[in-house]
C-alpha cells in the first residue's frame, strides 16, 4: 500500500485543492506501480498550525494573502 504524507501550513489549500493533490498523488503512485495500487493508496494531508513549524531558528506564520480562499 503506497502512502504519501504531506505537511502543509494551515489554510494553505482549500478543499478542492486538497482533493486535487490527493488525486494527482494517487495518479503518480499508479504511474509507478500500476493500477493494482489505486484502491490501497493512502494520501494524508496534515495541516500545521501557524507557529508550529520553522527553519533556522525562524518560526513561520502564514501571511493572510497566501491563505486559501473558500
N, C-alpha and C. Protein backbone atom coordinates (compact mmCIF):
# COMPACT_ATOMS: atom_id res chain seq x y z
N UNK A 1 0.84 -1.17 0.00
CA UNK A 1 0.00 0.00 0.00
C UNK A 1 0.89 1.24 0.00
N UNK A 2 0.89 2.01 -1.10
CA UNK A 2 1.64 3.27 -1.11
C UNK A 2 1.02 4.27 -0.14
N UNK A 3 1.88 5.06 0.50
CA UNK A 3 1.43 6.04 1.48
C UNK A 3 2.19 7.33 1.25
N UNK A 4 1.47 8.44 1.08
CA UNK A 4 2.09 9.76 0.94
C UNK A 4 1.58 10.64 2.06
N UNK A 5 2.47 11.41 2.68
CA UNK A 5 2.10 12.26 3.80
C UNK A 5 2.61 13.67 3.51
N UNK A 6 1.68 14.60 3.34
CA UNK A 6 2.02 16.00 3.12
C UNK A 6 1.77 16.77 4.40
N UNK A 7 2.71 17.60 4.79
CA UNK A 7 2.54 18.51 5.92
C UNK A 7 2.61 19.92 5.36
N UNK A 8 1.50 20.63 5.50
CA UNK A 8 1.38 21.96 4.90
C UNK A 8 0.94 22.97 5.95
N UNK A 9 1.28 24.24 5.77
CA UNK A 9 0.78 25.26 6.68
C UNK A 9 -0.76 25.28 6.66
N UNK A 10 -1.33 25.47 7.84
CA UNK A 10 -2.79 25.53 7.96
C UNK A 10 -3.36 26.58 7.01
N UNK A 11 -4.42 26.22 6.31
CA UNK A 11 -5.16 27.10 5.40
C UNK A 11 -4.39 27.45 4.13
N UNK A 12 -3.35 26.68 3.80
CA UNK A 12 -2.63 26.97 2.56
C UNK A 12 -3.34 26.40 1.34
N UNK A 13 -4.20 25.39 1.55
CA UNK A 13 -5.00 24.83 0.46
C UNK A 13 -6.46 24.79 0.88
N UNK A 14 -7.35 25.02 -0.10
CA UNK A 14 -8.78 24.85 0.19
C UNK A 14 -9.17 23.40 -0.09
N UNK A 15 -10.42 23.07 0.14
CA UNK A 15 -10.87 21.68 0.00
C UNK A 15 -10.64 21.14 -1.42
N UNK A 16 -10.97 21.94 -2.42
CA UNK A 16 -10.79 21.50 -3.81
C UNK A 16 -9.32 21.25 -4.13
N UNK A 17 -8.44 22.09 -3.62
CA UNK A 17 -7.00 21.92 -3.87
C UNK A 17 -6.49 20.65 -3.18
N UNK A 18 -6.99 20.37 -1.98
CA UNK A 18 -6.60 19.14 -1.30
C UNK A 18 -7.07 17.92 -2.08
N UNK A 19 -8.30 17.97 -2.58
CA UNK A 19 -8.82 16.87 -3.39
C UNK A 19 -7.96 16.65 -4.63
N UNK A 20 -7.55 17.75 -5.26
CA UNK A 20 -6.69 17.65 -6.45
C UNK A 20 -5.33 17.07 -6.09
N UNK A 21 -4.76 17.50 -4.96
CA UNK A 21 -3.47 16.96 -4.51
C UNK A 21 -3.58 15.45 -4.27
N UNK A 22 -4.65 15.04 -3.63
CA UNK A 22 -4.86 13.61 -3.37
C UNK A 22 -5.00 12.85 -4.69
N UNK A 23 -5.79 13.39 -5.61
CA UNK A 23 -5.98 12.74 -6.91
C UNK A 23 -4.65 12.62 -7.68
N UNK A 24 -3.91 13.72 -7.75
CA UNK A 24 -2.65 13.70 -8.50
C UNK A 24 -1.61 12.80 -7.86
N UNK A 25 -1.61 12.75 -6.54
CA UNK A 25 -0.67 11.85 -5.84
C UNK A 25 -1.03 10.39 -6.14
N UNK A 26 -2.32 10.09 -6.11
CA UNK A 26 -2.76 8.74 -6.44
C UNK A 26 -2.35 8.38 -7.86
N UNK A 27 -2.54 9.31 -8.79
CA UNK A 27 -2.14 9.06 -10.19
C UNK A 27 -0.63 8.82 -10.29
N UNK A 28 0.15 9.55 -9.52
CA UNK A 28 1.60 9.35 -9.52
C UNK A 28 1.95 7.94 -9.06
N UNK A 29 1.33 7.50 -7.98
CA UNK A 29 1.60 6.15 -7.47
C UNK A 29 1.20 5.10 -8.49
N UNK A 30 0.06 5.30 -9.13
CA UNK A 30 -0.40 4.35 -10.16
C UNK A 30 0.59 4.33 -11.33
N UNK A 31 1.14 5.49 -11.69
CA UNK A 31 2.10 5.53 -12.80
C UNK A 31 3.37 4.74 -12.49
N UNK A 32 3.73 4.66 -11.21
CA UNK A 32 4.91 3.89 -10.81
C UNK A 32 4.61 2.40 -10.62
N UNK A 33 3.51 2.11 -9.94
CA UNK A 33 3.25 0.73 -9.50
C UNK A 33 2.14 0.02 -10.24
N UNK A 34 1.37 0.75 -11.04
CA UNK A 34 0.28 0.14 -11.79
C UNK A 34 -1.07 0.29 -11.08
N UNK A 35 -2.12 -0.02 -11.83
CA UNK A 35 -3.49 0.14 -11.33
C UNK A 35 -3.77 -0.65 -10.06
N UNK A 36 -3.01 -1.70 -9.83
CA UNK A 36 -3.25 -2.54 -8.67
C UNK A 36 -3.18 -1.76 -7.36
N UNK A 37 -2.44 -0.63 -7.32
CA UNK A 37 -2.29 0.11 -6.06
C UNK A 37 -3.36 1.19 -5.86
N UNK A 38 -4.16 1.48 -6.89
CA UNK A 38 -5.14 2.56 -6.75
C UNK A 38 -6.05 2.38 -5.53
N UNK A 39 -6.64 1.19 -5.33
CA UNK A 39 -7.57 1.06 -4.20
C UNK A 39 -6.91 1.14 -2.82
N UNK A 40 -5.61 0.96 -2.75
CA UNK A 40 -4.95 0.93 -1.44
C UNK A 40 -4.01 2.13 -1.21
N UNK A 41 -3.96 3.06 -2.15
CA UNK A 41 -3.09 4.22 -1.98
C UNK A 41 -3.68 5.16 -0.93
N UNK A 42 -2.88 5.50 0.05
CA UNK A 42 -3.31 6.39 1.13
C UNK A 42 -2.56 7.71 1.00
N UNK A 43 -3.30 8.82 1.02
CA UNK A 43 -2.71 10.15 0.97
C UNK A 43 -3.22 10.91 2.19
N UNK A 44 -2.30 11.38 3.01
CA UNK A 44 -2.65 12.12 4.22
C UNK A 44 -2.15 13.56 4.06
N UNK A 45 -3.08 14.51 4.18
CA UNK A 45 -2.73 15.93 4.12
C UNK A 45 -2.89 16.48 5.53
N UNK A 46 -1.78 16.79 6.17
CA UNK A 46 -1.79 17.32 7.53
C UNK A 46 -1.55 18.82 7.49
N UNK A 47 -2.35 19.55 8.25
CA UNK A 47 -2.18 21.00 8.35
C UNK A 47 -1.48 21.33 9.67
N UNK A 48 -0.42 22.11 9.56
CA UNK A 48 0.35 22.52 10.73
C UNK A 48 -0.06 23.95 11.09
N UNK A 49 -0.45 24.16 12.33
CA UNK A 49 -0.88 25.49 12.79
C UNK A 49 0.26 26.50 12.70
N UNK A 50 -0.14 27.76 12.50
CA UNK A 50 0.85 28.83 12.50
C UNK A 50 1.72 28.75 13.74
N UNK A 51 3.00 28.95 13.55
CA UNK A 51 3.94 28.90 14.66
C UNK A 51 4.41 27.50 15.00
N UNK A 52 3.85 26.50 14.32
CA UNK A 52 4.21 25.12 14.60
C UNK A 52 5.26 24.57 13.66
N UNK A 53 5.91 25.43 12.92
CA UNK A 53 6.96 24.99 12.02
C UNK A 53 7.93 26.15 11.80
N UNK A 54 9.11 25.81 11.36
CA UNK A 54 10.10 26.85 11.14
C UNK A 54 11.37 26.26 10.55
N UNK A 55 12.34 27.13 10.34
CA UNK A 55 13.63 26.72 9.80
C UNK A 55 14.68 27.70 10.27
N UNK A 56 15.83 27.19 10.64
CA UNK A 56 16.97 28.01 11.04
C UNK A 56 16.59 29.06 12.09
N UNK A 57 15.92 28.60 13.13
CA UNK A 57 15.50 29.45 14.25
C UNK A 57 14.42 30.46 13.90
N UNK A 58 13.83 30.40 12.72
CA UNK A 58 12.75 31.31 12.35
C UNK A 58 11.43 30.56 12.39
N UNK A 59 10.49 31.03 13.19
CA UNK A 59 9.16 30.44 13.28
C UNK A 59 8.29 31.07 12.20
N UNK A 60 7.63 30.23 11.42
CA UNK A 60 6.84 30.73 10.30
C UNK A 60 5.39 30.96 10.67
N UNK A 61 4.85 32.03 10.09
CA UNK A 61 3.43 32.36 10.18
C UNK A 61 2.96 32.57 8.74
N UNK A 62 1.82 31.97 8.38
CA UNK A 62 1.30 32.10 7.02
C UNK A 62 0.72 33.50 6.82
N UNK A 63 1.28 34.30 5.89
CA UNK A 63 0.70 35.62 5.62
C UNK A 63 -0.72 35.47 5.08
N UNK A 64 -1.58 36.37 5.46
CA UNK A 64 -3.00 36.31 5.07
C UNK A 64 -3.18 36.21 3.56
N UNK A 65 -2.36 36.91 2.79
CA UNK A 65 -2.53 36.93 1.33
C UNK A 65 -2.28 35.54 0.71
N UNK A 66 -1.61 34.64 1.42
CA UNK A 66 -1.33 33.31 0.89
C UNK A 66 -2.30 32.25 1.39
N UNK A 67 -3.22 32.62 2.26
CA UNK A 67 -4.20 31.66 2.78
C UNK A 67 -5.21 31.32 1.70
N UNK A 68 -5.61 30.06 1.67
CA UNK A 68 -6.60 29.59 0.69
C UNK A 68 -7.93 30.27 0.94
N UNK A 69 -8.60 30.57 -0.12
CA UNK A 69 -9.93 31.16 -0.02
C UNK A 69 -10.95 30.10 -0.41
N UNK A 70 -11.99 30.01 0.37
CA UNK A 70 -13.07 29.06 0.04
C UNK A 70 -12.80 27.76 0.61
